[in-house]
Amino acid sequence: MFFDPVKRTVALLALCQAFFMSVQSAMIATTPLAGYMLLGLDKSYATVPLFLTYAGIMLATIPASFMMKHYGRRAGFSLGAAIGTLAGLTSALGLYQQSFGLLCAGSMLQGFAVAFANFYRFAAADIADDDFRPKAISLVMAGGVLAGIMGPEGAKWATQWFAPLTYVGVYVLAAIFSMMILLTVQAMQIPRPTAEERIGGGRPMQEIARQPAFRVAVLSSMMGYGVMTLLMTTTPLAMQACGFHFDDSATVIQAHVVAMFLPSFFTGHLINRFGALRIIGLGALTEAVCALVNLSGIDFMNFFFGSSLLAIGWNFTYVGGTVLLTSTYQPAERAKVQAAHDFSVFGMTALAAALSGYLQQKAGWSVVNLAVLPAMAIVFTASMWLRRRQSGALQAAE
């Protein structure tokens, strides 16, 4: 495999994905609780740092995409990893000084770093041929399986590194993971953008966005990721309210992260066999079932299985949406279409993160889960509508 430069680069991208998602999973498990600890009587702002992470992703996505259009993927991924290192150290300083503001600043910097890392899957798509592309995307995403072990287990291990200062070590560990990404990126061989890609603009974005496939791709990724963010941002808080400890919520997050990426070993095969739209529809149904499991009880296993189903549904909607998106643009249009997609996705996740703490505090866990059902109904309906439309067009052409 390592003698094939494309497959070697995909493997290195998967390793970067593992380190990157280790940071993210540790943050999901830790940051709401860290924010909760630093706040006074009003705990409804405990998820604000995670909201700022997603806001940072949204704000940096378009600049990150266009920077890589001009300077290449490796330069962009290196800058993102450097920012991630700074983010971890800033958040650690915030916990050390008991400063909610510094925790928020570090969280936003982490969002800037994530904006670059989210293009790992697109980098794989760019260098793969048509047959290998779905598998390349899913294999990069599969790197997150390792993160399911490293992130939450690392968070448990590092929580008391600087005892009695709780959680400081988690953010120091996050900075170390980001430094590992920086080193790994230097071994990649990703072609620099061609003159056509740097200068050419292709069709206007309005014309591209009128394609039904583009709209369904964005809707699938946006709703799938938004629902996952809404539930997973509130899960540690909901478990704490039900009397569970940090290790319990970290275990649930660990199962969630493994389930996010384990399907990626076969998602590409499923898409090649059944098509992206069927997989998107299956993902929407799976996320809806997750909400029903969460609504059925508040035992540990409800949280565990609900979070696992949520992760599998996210994988199908997000990977399926990404593969569908790659069919809507030409090489010269790549940067702006990918940027528009991710800007929309992380705008939704920022909104979900912003609302999650408030909904959990004011309305409760049941209302948070009920909000999932109409969102997933929309995604399922849209994917089946486009599938019937494409089947009709194919039959008419014959």
Protein backbone atom coordinates (compact mmCIF):
# COMPACT_ATOMS: atom_id res chain seq x y z
CA MET A 1 0.00 0.00 0.00
CA PHE A 2 2.78 2.45 0.90
CA PHE A 3 4.37 1.97 -2.55
CA ASP A 4 1.28 3.58 -4.10
CA PRO A 5 1.65 7.35 -3.48
CA VAL A 6 -2.10 7.94 -3.50
CA LYS A 7 -2.83 5.18 -0.98
CA ARG A 8 0.17 6.24 1.13
CA THR A 9 -1.17 9.80 1.31
CA VAL A 10 -4.65 8.53 2.16
CA ALA A 11 -3.13 6.48 5.01
CA LEU A 12 -1.28 9.54 6.36
CA LEU A 13 -4.46 11.61 6.09
CA ALA A 14 -6.24 8.90 8.08
CA LEU A 15 -3.53 9.14 10.77
CA CYS A 16 -3.99 12.92 10.91
CA GLN A 17 -7.73 12.32 11.20
CA ALA A 18 -7.04 10.03 14.17
CA PHE A 19 -5.03 12.68 16.02
CA PHE A 20 -7.47 15.45 15.07
CA MET A 21 -10.54 13.52 16.23
CA SER A 22 -8.72 12.51 19.42
CA VAL A 23 -8.58 16.21 20.23
CA GLN A 24 -12.22 16.70 19.28
CA SER A 25 -13.51 13.74 21.27
CA ALA A 26 -11.54 14.83 24.32
CA MET A 27 -13.00 18.33 23.92
CA ILE A 28 -16.58 17.03 23.63
CA ALA A 29 -16.11 14.98 26.80
CA THR A 30 -14.34 17.72 28.76
CA THR A 31 -15.19 21.25 27.65
CA PRO A 32 -18.87 21.41 28.73
CA LEU A 33 -17.82 20.14 32.17
CA ALA A 34 -14.86 22.54 32.33
CA GLY A 35 -17.14 25.44 31.41
CA TYR A 36 -19.70 24.27 33.98
CA MET A 37 -16.97 24.19 36.65
CA LEU A 38 -15.77 27.72 35.89
CA LEU A 39 -19.20 29.35 35.85
CA GLY A 40 -21.11 30.74 38.83
CA LEU A 41 -24.73 30.07 39.62
CA ASP A 42 -26.01 30.31 36.03
CA LYS A 43 -24.74 27.17 34.31
CA SER A 44 -26.72 27.66 31.07
CA TYR A 45 -23.59 29.03 29.38
CA ALA A 46 -21.57 25.85 29.97
CA THR A 47 -21.66 24.92 26.27
CA VAL A 48 -20.61 28.40 25.05
CA PRO A 49 -16.96 27.30 24.61
CA LEU A 50 -18.08 24.46 22.32
CA PHE A 51 -20.33 26.90 20.47
CA LEU A 52 -17.26 29.09 19.92
CA THR A 53 -15.38 26.08 18.54
CA TYR A 54 -18.07 25.56 15.93
CA ALA A 55 -18.31 29.31 15.29
CA GLY A 56 -14.54 29.30 14.72
CA ILE A 57 -14.91 26.45 12.23
CA MET A 58 -17.61 28.36 10.37
CA LEU A 59 -15.59 31.61 10.26
CA ALA A 60 -12.34 29.95 9.16
CA THR A 61 -13.70 27.43 6.65
CA ILE A 62 -13.82 29.73 3.62
CA PRO A 63 -10.40 31.37 4.28
CA ALA A 64 -8.90 27.91 4.88
CA SER A 65 -10.25 26.55 1.60
CA PHE A 66 -9.04 29.49 -0.46
CA MET A 67 -5.65 29.53 1.25
CA MET A 68 -5.17 25.89 0.25
CA LYS A 69 -6.37 26.71 -3.25
CA HIS A 70 -3.40 29.05 -3.63
CA TYR A 71 -0.72 27.47 -1.42
CA GLY A 72 -1.64 23.80 -1.31
CA ARG A 73 -3.06 21.31 1.16
CA ARG A 74 0.17 20.65 3.05
CA ALA A 75 0.70 24.34 3.88
CA GLY A 76 -2.88 24.64 5.07
CA PHE A 77 -2.79 21.48 7.16
CA SER A 78 0.49 22.61 8.76
CA LEU A 79 -0.98 25.99 9.71
CA GLY A 80 -4.08 24.33 11.11
CA ALA A 81 -2.01 21.99 13.28
CA ALA A 82 0.06 24.92 14.60
CA ILE A 83 -3.14 26.77 15.54
CA GLY A 84 -4.42 23.61 17.22
CA THR A 85 -1.30 23.45 19.38
CA LEU A 86 -1.83 27.06 20.44
CA ALA A 87 -5.51 26.32 21.13
CA GLY A 88 -4.72 23.50 23.54
CA LEU A 89 -2.18 25.56 25.45
CA THR A 90 -4.54 28.56 25.66
CA SER A 91 -7.35 26.43 27.08
CA ALA A 92 -4.95 24.82 29.54
CA LEU A 93 -3.89 28.28 30.69
CA GLY A 94 -7.57 29.20 31.08
CA LEU A 95 -8.14 26.25 33.43
CA TYR A 96 -4.90 27.02 35.29
CA GLN A 97 -6.01 30.62 35.86
CA GLN A 98 -9.68 29.67 36.35
CA SER A 99 -10.60 31.96 33.45
CA PHE A 100 -13.77 31.16 31.50
CA GLY A 101 -12.72 33.81 28.94
CA LEU A 102 -9.42 32.07 28.17
CA LEU A 103 -11.23 28.73 27.86
CA CYS A 104 -13.51 30.39 25.32
CA ALA A 105 -10.53 31.87 23.45
CA GLY A 106 -8.81 28.50 23.27
CA SER A 107 -12.03 26.89 22.09
CA MET A 108 -12.39 29.37 19.24
CA LEU A 109 -8.76 28.81 18.22
CA GLN A 110 -9.53 25.10 18.17
CA GLY A 111 -12.35 25.87 15.75
CA PHE A 112 -9.88 27.61 13.43
CA ALA A 113 -7.68 24.50 13.54
CA VAL A 114 -10.63 22.22 12.84
CA ALA A 115 -11.57 24.28 9.77
CA PHE A 116 -8.32 23.15 8.14
CA ALA A 117 -8.52 19.56 9.40
CA ASN A 118 -12.00 19.11 7.95
CA PHE A 119 -10.45 19.19 4.49
CA TYR A 120 -8.53 15.92 5.06
CA ARG A 121 -11.39 14.00 3.41
CA PHE A 122 -11.50 16.42 0.47
CA ALA A 123 -7.72 16.09 0.03
CA ALA A 124 -8.25 12.33 -0.33
CA ALA A 125 -11.08 12.90 -2.80
CA ASP A 126 -8.93 15.26 -4.86
CA ILE A 127 -6.12 12.76 -5.44
CA ALA A 128 -8.27 9.62 -5.94
CA ASP A 129 -9.80 8.42 -9.19
CA ASP A 130 -13.57 7.97 -9.57
CA ASP A 131 -13.59 4.32 -8.46
CA PHE A 132 -11.38 4.84 -5.41
CA ARG A 133 -12.88 8.19 -4.33
CA PRO A 134 -15.73 6.91 -2.05
CA LYS A 135 -13.32 4.46 -0.42
CA ALA A 136 -10.61 7.13 -0.03
CA ILE A 137 -13.03 9.48 1.73
CA SER A 138 -14.34 6.75 4.01
CA LEU A 139 -10.83 5.43 4.80
CA VAL A 140 -9.70 8.89 5.92
CA MET A 141 -12.79 9.10 8.09
CA ALA A 142 -11.97 5.64 9.44
CA GLY A 143 -8.88 7.12 11.06
CA GLY A 144 -11.24 8.34 13.73
CA VAL A 145 -11.64 4.79 15.07
CA LEU A 146 -8.24 5.14 16.72
CA ALA A 147 -9.41 8.50 18.08
CA GLY A 148 -12.26 6.73 19.84
CA ILE A 149 -9.65 5.08 22.02
CA MET A 150 -7.00 7.79 22.24
CA GLY A 151 -9.29 10.77 22.86
CA PRO A 152 -11.58 9.77 25.76
CA GLU A 153 -9.02 7.39 27.32
CA GLY A 154 -6.41 10.14 27.05
CA ALA A 155 -8.85 12.56 28.66
CA LYS A 156 -9.41 10.18 31.58
CA TRP A 157 -5.66 9.66 31.96
CA ALA A 158 -4.72 13.34 31.66
CA THR A 159 -7.50 14.83 33.82
CA GLN A 160 -5.40 14.75 36.97
CA TRP A 161 -1.97 15.49 35.46
CA PHE A 162 -1.99 18.87 37.17
CA ALA A 163 -4.08 17.94 40.22
CA PRO A 164 -5.73 19.60 42.04
CA LEU A 165 -6.34 21.64 38.85
CA THR A 166 -8.92 19.46 37.08
CA TYR A 167 -8.92 19.11 33.26
CA VAL A 168 -5.72 21.15 32.61
CA GLY A 169 -3.89 18.03 31.47
CA VAL A 170 -6.59 17.24 28.89
CA TYR A 171 -5.82 20.44 27.01
CA VAL A 172 -2.06 19.88 27.26
CA LEU A 173 -2.63 16.45 25.73
CA ALA A 174 -4.70 18.09 22.97
CA ALA A 175 -1.72 20.34 22.17
CA ILE A 176 0.54 17.26 21.94
CA PHE A 177 -1.87 15.57 19.51
CA SER A 178 -1.85 18.71 17.35
CA MET A 179 1.95 18.68 17.27
CA MET A 180 1.79 15.07 16.07
CA ILE A 181 -0.44 16.20 13.19
CA LEU A 182 2.11 18.87 12.27
CA LEU A 183 4.85 16.24 12.05
CA THR A 184 2.71 13.77 10.07
CA VAL A 185 1.67 16.36 7.49
CA GLN A 186 5.31 16.93 6.52
CA ALA A 187 5.51 13.34 5.17
CA MET A 188 2.60 13.81 2.74
CA GLN A 189 2.95 14.10 -1.02
CA ILE A 190 -0.04 16.15 -2.14
CA PRO A 191 0.25 17.83 -5.56
CA ARG A 192 0.25 21.63 -5.52
CA PRO A 193 -2.79 23.28 -7.11
CA THR A 194 -2.55 23.68 -10.87
CA ALA A 195 -2.66 27.11 -12.52
CA GLU A 196 -6.24 26.37 -13.59
CA GLU A 197 -7.24 25.61 -9.99
CA ARG A 198 -5.47 28.68 -8.58
CA ILE A 199 -6.80 31.15 -11.16
CA GLY A 200 -9.93 29.62 -12.66
CA GLY A 201 -13.30 30.10 -11.06
CA GLY A 202 -15.57 27.88 -13.16
CA ARG A 203 -19.31 28.38 -13.00
CA PRO A 204 -20.87 30.95 -10.67
CA MET A 205 -21.68 29.55 -7.23
CA GLN A 206 -25.37 30.37 -7.74
CA GLU A 207 -25.47 28.06 -10.77
CA ILE A 208 -23.73 25.24 -8.93
CA ALA A 209 -26.04 25.63 -5.93
CA ARG A 210 -29.11 25.22 -8.14
CA GLN A 211 -28.20 21.57 -8.73
CA PRO A 212 -30.52 19.28 -6.73
CA ALA A 213 -27.56 17.02 -5.89
CA PHE A 214 -25.67 19.96 -4.35
CA ARG A 215 -28.67 20.94 -2.25
CA VAL A 216 -29.28 17.42 -0.96
CA ALA A 217 -25.57 16.91 -0.26
CA VAL A 218 -25.42 20.09 1.84
CA LEU A 219 -28.71 19.31 3.58
CA SER A 220 -27.57 15.80 4.48
CA SER A 221 -24.22 16.89 5.92
CA MET A 222 -25.67 19.96 7.61
CA MET A 223 -28.57 18.23 9.35
CA GLY A 224 -26.63 15.05 10.13
CA TYR A 225 -23.78 17.00 11.76
CA GLY A 226 -26.09 19.53 13.43
CA VAL A 227 -28.15 16.82 15.12
CA MET A 228 -25.01 15.04 16.27
CA THR A 229 -23.65 18.27 17.75
CA LEU A 230 -26.93 19.09 19.47
CA LEU A 231 -27.05 15.72 21.23
CA MET A 232 -23.37 15.16 21.96
CA THR A 233 -22.79 18.65 23.36
CA THR A 234 -25.56 18.06 25.90
CA THR A 235 -24.84 14.39 26.65
CA PRO A 236 -22.13 15.03 29.33
CA LEU A 237 -24.43 17.58 31.00
CA ALA A 238 -27.45 15.26 30.84
CA MET A 239 -25.42 12.39 32.30
CA GLN A 240 -24.10 14.62 35.07
CA ALA A 241 -27.68 15.66 35.89
CA CYS A 242 -28.61 11.96 36.09
CA GLY A 243 -25.86 11.30 38.64
CA PHE A 244 -23.17 9.82 36.37
CA HIS A 245 -19.47 10.66 36.80
CA PHE A 246 -16.90 11.98 34.33
CA ASP A 247 -15.54 8.50 33.56
CA ASP A 248 -19.08 7.38 32.64
CA SER A 249 -19.63 10.23 30.21
CA ALA A 250 -16.12 9.79 28.80
CA THR A 251 -16.93 6.10 28.15
CA VAL A 252 -20.12 7.09 26.31
CA ILE A 253 -18.18 9.63 24.24
CA GLN A 254 -15.59 6.94 23.52
CA ALA A 255 -18.25 4.56 22.21
CA HIS A 256 -19.73 7.41 20.21
CA VAL A 257 -16.43 8.32 18.54
CA VAL A 258 -15.61 4.70 17.68
CA ALA A 259 -19.10 4.31 16.18
CA MET A 260 -18.65 7.55 14.23
CA PHE A 261 -15.73 6.13 12.29
CA LEU A 262 -15.89 2.34 12.45
CA PRO A 263 -18.53 2.21 9.68
CA SER A 264 -16.08 4.07 7.43
CA PHE A 265 -14.28 0.80 6.76
CA PHE A 266 -17.31 -0.24 4.70
CA THR A 267 -19.26 2.98 4.01
CA GLY A 268 -17.36 3.48 0.75
CA HIS A 269 -18.24 -0.05 -0.37
CA LEU A 270 -21.90 0.53 0.53
CA ILE A 271 -21.98 3.77 -1.44
CA ASN A 272 -20.39 2.11 -4.47
CA ARG A 273 -22.97 -0.69 -4.31
CA PHE A 274 -26.18 1.09 -3.27
CA GLY A 275 -25.50 4.75 -4.08
CA ALA A 276 -24.95 7.76 -1.84
CA LEU A 277 -28.65 8.64 -1.60
CA ARG A 278 -29.72 5.30 -0.12
CA ILE A 279 -26.93 5.56 2.47
CA ILE A 280 -27.97 9.12 3.34
CA GLY A 281 -31.55 7.95 3.87
CA LEU A 282 -30.37 5.08 6.07
CA GLY A 283 -28.28 7.52 8.11
CA ALA A 284 -31.28 9.79 8.68
CA LEU A 285 -33.35 6.85 9.93
CA THR A 286 -30.54 5.75 12.25
CA GLU A 287 -30.23 9.19 13.86
CA ALA A 288 -34.00 9.24 14.39
CA VAL A 289 -33.84 5.84 16.13
CA CYS A 290 -31.08 7.27 18.37
CA ALA A 291 -33.48 9.95 19.59
CA LEU A 292 -36.11 7.31 20.35
CA VAL A 293 -33.60 5.28 22.37
CA ASN A 294 -32.65 8.39 24.36
CA LEU A 295 -36.32 9.15 25.00
CA SER A 296 -36.99 5.64 26.30
CA GLY A 297 -34.94 6.03 29.49
CA ILE A 298 -31.99 7.60 31.33
CA ASP A 299 -30.00 4.49 32.25
CA PHE A 300 -26.34 4.27 31.27
CA MET A 301 -27.16 1.90 28.41
CA ASN A 302 -29.67 4.39 26.95
CA PHE A 303 -26.90 6.96 26.72
CA PHE A 304 -24.42 4.36 25.46
CA PHE A 305 -26.55 2.85 22.68
CA GLY A 306 -28.21 6.14 21.77
CA SER A 307 -24.84 7.81 21.28
CA SER A 308 -23.57 4.87 19.24
CA LEU A 309 -26.59 4.97 16.91
CA LEU A 310 -26.21 8.73 16.59
CA ALA A 311 -22.63 8.24 15.47
CA ILE A 312 -23.47 5.61 12.84
CA GLY A 313 -26.21 7.82 11.44
CA TRP A 314 -23.80 10.77 11.31
CA ASN A 315 -21.28 8.68 9.40
CA PHE A 316 -23.81 7.73 6.72
CA THR A 317 -25.25 11.23 6.31
CA TYR A 318 -21.86 12.99 6.37
CA VAL A 319 -19.82 10.61 4.21
CA GLY A 320 -22.78 10.15 1.87
CA GLY A 321 -23.21 13.91 1.61
CA THR A 322 -19.50 14.41 0.93
CA VAL A 323 -19.43 11.79 -1.84
CA LEU A 324 -22.59 13.26 -3.40
CA LEU A 325 -21.01 16.73 -3.29
CA THR A 326 -17.97 15.59 -5.31
CA SER A 327 -20.28 14.92 -8.26
CA THR A 328 -21.39 18.57 -8.45
CA TYR A 329 -18.18 20.46 -9.29
CA GLN A 330 -15.19 20.63 -11.63
CA PRO A 331 -11.54 20.98 -10.44
CA ALA A 332 -11.54 24.78 -10.92
CA GLU A 333 -14.68 25.01 -8.76
CA ARG A 334 -13.38 22.76 -5.99
CA ALA A 335 -12.32 25.36 -3.42
CA LYS A 336 -15.48 27.45 -3.44
CA VAL A 337 -17.88 24.48 -3.50
CA GLN A 338 -16.10 22.66 -0.68
CA ALA A 339 -15.95 25.91 1.30
CA ALA A 340 -19.65 26.62 0.75
CA HIS A 341 -20.51 23.09 1.88
CA ASP A 342 -18.45 23.21 5.06
CA PHE A 343 -19.51 26.79 5.88
CA SER A 344 -23.15 25.67 5.76
CA VAL A 345 -22.44 22.54 7.80
CA PHE A 346 -20.55 24.31 10.56
CA GLY A 347 -22.93 27.24 10.61
CA MET A 348 -25.57 24.69 11.56
CA THR A 349 -23.30 23.01 14.13
CA ALA A 350 -22.50 26.39 15.70
CA LEU A 351 -26.22 27.06 16.02
CA ALA A 352 -26.79 23.59 17.48
CA ALA A 353 -23.98 24.04 20.01
CA ALA A 354 -25.29 27.48 20.96
CA LEU A 355 -28.79 26.16 21.59
CA SER A 356 -27.83 22.89 23.23
CA GLY A 357 -26.85 24.15 26.67
CA TYR A 358 -29.85 26.47 26.85
CA LEU A 359 -32.29 23.75 25.76
CA GLN A 360 -30.80 21.24 28.19
CA GLN A 361 -30.91 23.72 31.09
CA LYS A 362 -34.33 25.24 30.36
CA ALA A 363 -36.30 22.51 28.56
CA GLY A 364 -34.56 19.22 29.36
CA TRP A 365 -33.13 16.17 27.65
CA SER A 366 -36.45 15.01 26.19
CA VAL A 367 -37.03 18.24 24.26
CA VAL A 368 -33.47 18.11 22.87
CA ASN A 369 -34.17 14.63 21.49
CA LEU A 370 -37.63 15.47 20.14
CA ALA A 371 -36.03 18.22 18.04
CA VAL A 372 -34.09 15.51 16.16
CA LEU A 373 -37.12 13.80 14.61
CA PRO A 374 -38.37 16.51 12.19
CA ALA A 375 -34.79 17.29 11.09
CA MET A 376 -34.14 13.68 10.12
CA ALA A 377 -37.53 13.39 8.42
CA ILE A 378 -36.50 16.27 6.13
CA VAL A 379 -33.18 14.60 5.22
CA PHE A 380 -34.80 11.22 4.54
CA THR A 381 -37.51 12.78 2.35
CA ALA A 382 -35.01 14.86 0.37
CA SER A 383 -32.71 11.89 -0.32
CA MET A 384 -35.57 9.68 -1.50
CA TRP A 385 -36.97 12.53 -3.65
CA LEU A 386 -33.63 13.02 -5.43
CA ARG A 387 -33.20 9.27 -5.91
CA ARG A 388 -36.59 9.02 -7.63
CA ARG A 389 -35.79 12.10 -9.71
CA GLN A 390 -32.47 10.67 -10.88
CA SER A 391 -34.04 7.27 -11.62
CA GLY A 392 -36.74 8.98 -13.69
CA ALA A 393 -34.18 11.00 -15.63
CA LEU A 394 -32.15 7.84 -16.34
CA GLN A 395 -35.22 5.98 -17.59
CA ALA A 396 -36.19 8.93 -19.79
CA ALA A 397 -32.68 9.01 -21.31
CA GLU A 398 -32.96 5.32 -22.19
